[in-house]
Amino acid sequence: MAKKLKITLVKSTIGQKPAKRATVRSLGLKKINSVVEHEANPAVLGMVASVSHLVKVEEMN
């Protein structure tokens, strides 16, 4: 079974480039402190890496 990630938006997307905003949106995050769970696959890991300054990531068991 793939690991799950808990992703939390901790910083606003205001002032970010449109591509970064779109990445945050495609992860399913809307407002600050919103939380989503995703499987840890290469696509999600790449998106998280590109917006790592805006999100907090935790591994779930």
Protein backbone atom coordinates (compact mmCIF):
# COMPACT_ATOMS: atom_id res chain seq x y z
CA MET A 1 0.00 0.00 0.00
CA ALA A 2 1.27 3.46 -0.88
CA LYS A 3 1.99 5.94 1.89
CA LYS A 4 -0.47 8.72 2.51
CA LEU A 5 0.48 12.36 2.86
CA LYS A 6 -1.37 14.97 4.88
CA ILE A 7 -0.84 18.33 3.15
CA THR A 8 -1.74 21.61 4.86
CA LEU A 9 -1.68 25.07 3.26
CA VAL A 10 0.18 27.29 5.75
CA LYS A 11 0.97 30.36 3.64
CA SER A 12 -1.23 32.39 1.30
CA THR A 13 -0.93 32.15 -2.48
CA ILE A 14 -1.33 35.92 -2.77
CA GLY A 15 1.69 37.29 -4.64
CA GLN A 16 2.66 33.88 -6.03
CA LYS A 17 3.02 33.20 -9.73
CA PRO A 18 -0.04 31.74 -11.47
CA ALA A 19 1.63 28.35 -11.92
CA LYS A 20 2.21 28.04 -8.17
CA ARG A 21 -1.39 29.05 -7.46
CA ALA A 22 -2.62 26.46 -9.93
CA THR A 23 -0.47 23.79 -8.29
CA VAL A 24 -1.88 24.56 -4.84
CA ARG A 25 -5.40 24.53 -6.29
CA SER A 26 -4.83 21.20 -8.07
CA LEU A 27 -3.73 19.66 -4.79
CA GLY A 28 -7.20 20.55 -3.52
CA LEU A 29 -6.17 23.34 -1.17
CA LYS A 30 -8.29 26.49 -1.07
CA LYS A 31 -7.85 28.43 2.16
CA ILE A 32 -5.05 28.72 4.69
CA ASN A 33 -5.08 25.76 7.11
CA SER A 34 -7.08 23.62 4.68
CA VAL A 35 -5.94 19.99 4.75
CA VAL A 36 -6.03 17.26 2.12
CA GLU A 37 -4.81 13.67 2.03
CA HIS A 38 -3.11 12.22 -1.03
CA GLU A 39 -1.26 9.03 -1.87
CA ALA A 40 2.50 9.56 -2.11
CA ASN A 41 3.01 9.07 -5.86
CA PRO A 42 5.55 10.86 -8.08
CA ALA A 43 2.99 13.37 -9.41
CA VAL A 44 1.89 14.50 -5.95
CA LEU A 45 5.45 14.55 -4.61
CA GLY A 46 6.49 16.78 -7.52
CA MET A 47 3.64 19.20 -6.89
CA VAL A 48 4.45 19.34 -3.18
CA ALA A 49 8.13 19.99 -3.96
CA SER A 50 7.26 22.93 -6.21
CA VAL A 51 5.14 24.64 -3.53
CA SER A 52 7.10 23.44 -0.49
CA HIS A 53 7.41 27.02 0.79
CA LEU A 54 3.61 27.26 1.06
CA VAL A 55 2.64 23.87 2.49
CA LYS A 56 3.37 21.59 5.43
CA VAL A 57 3.56 17.87 4.70
CA GLU A 58 3.18 15.00 7.16
CA GLU A 59 3.34 11.27 6.49
CA MET A 60 0.39 9.25 7.73
CA ASN A 61 0.42 5.58 8.68
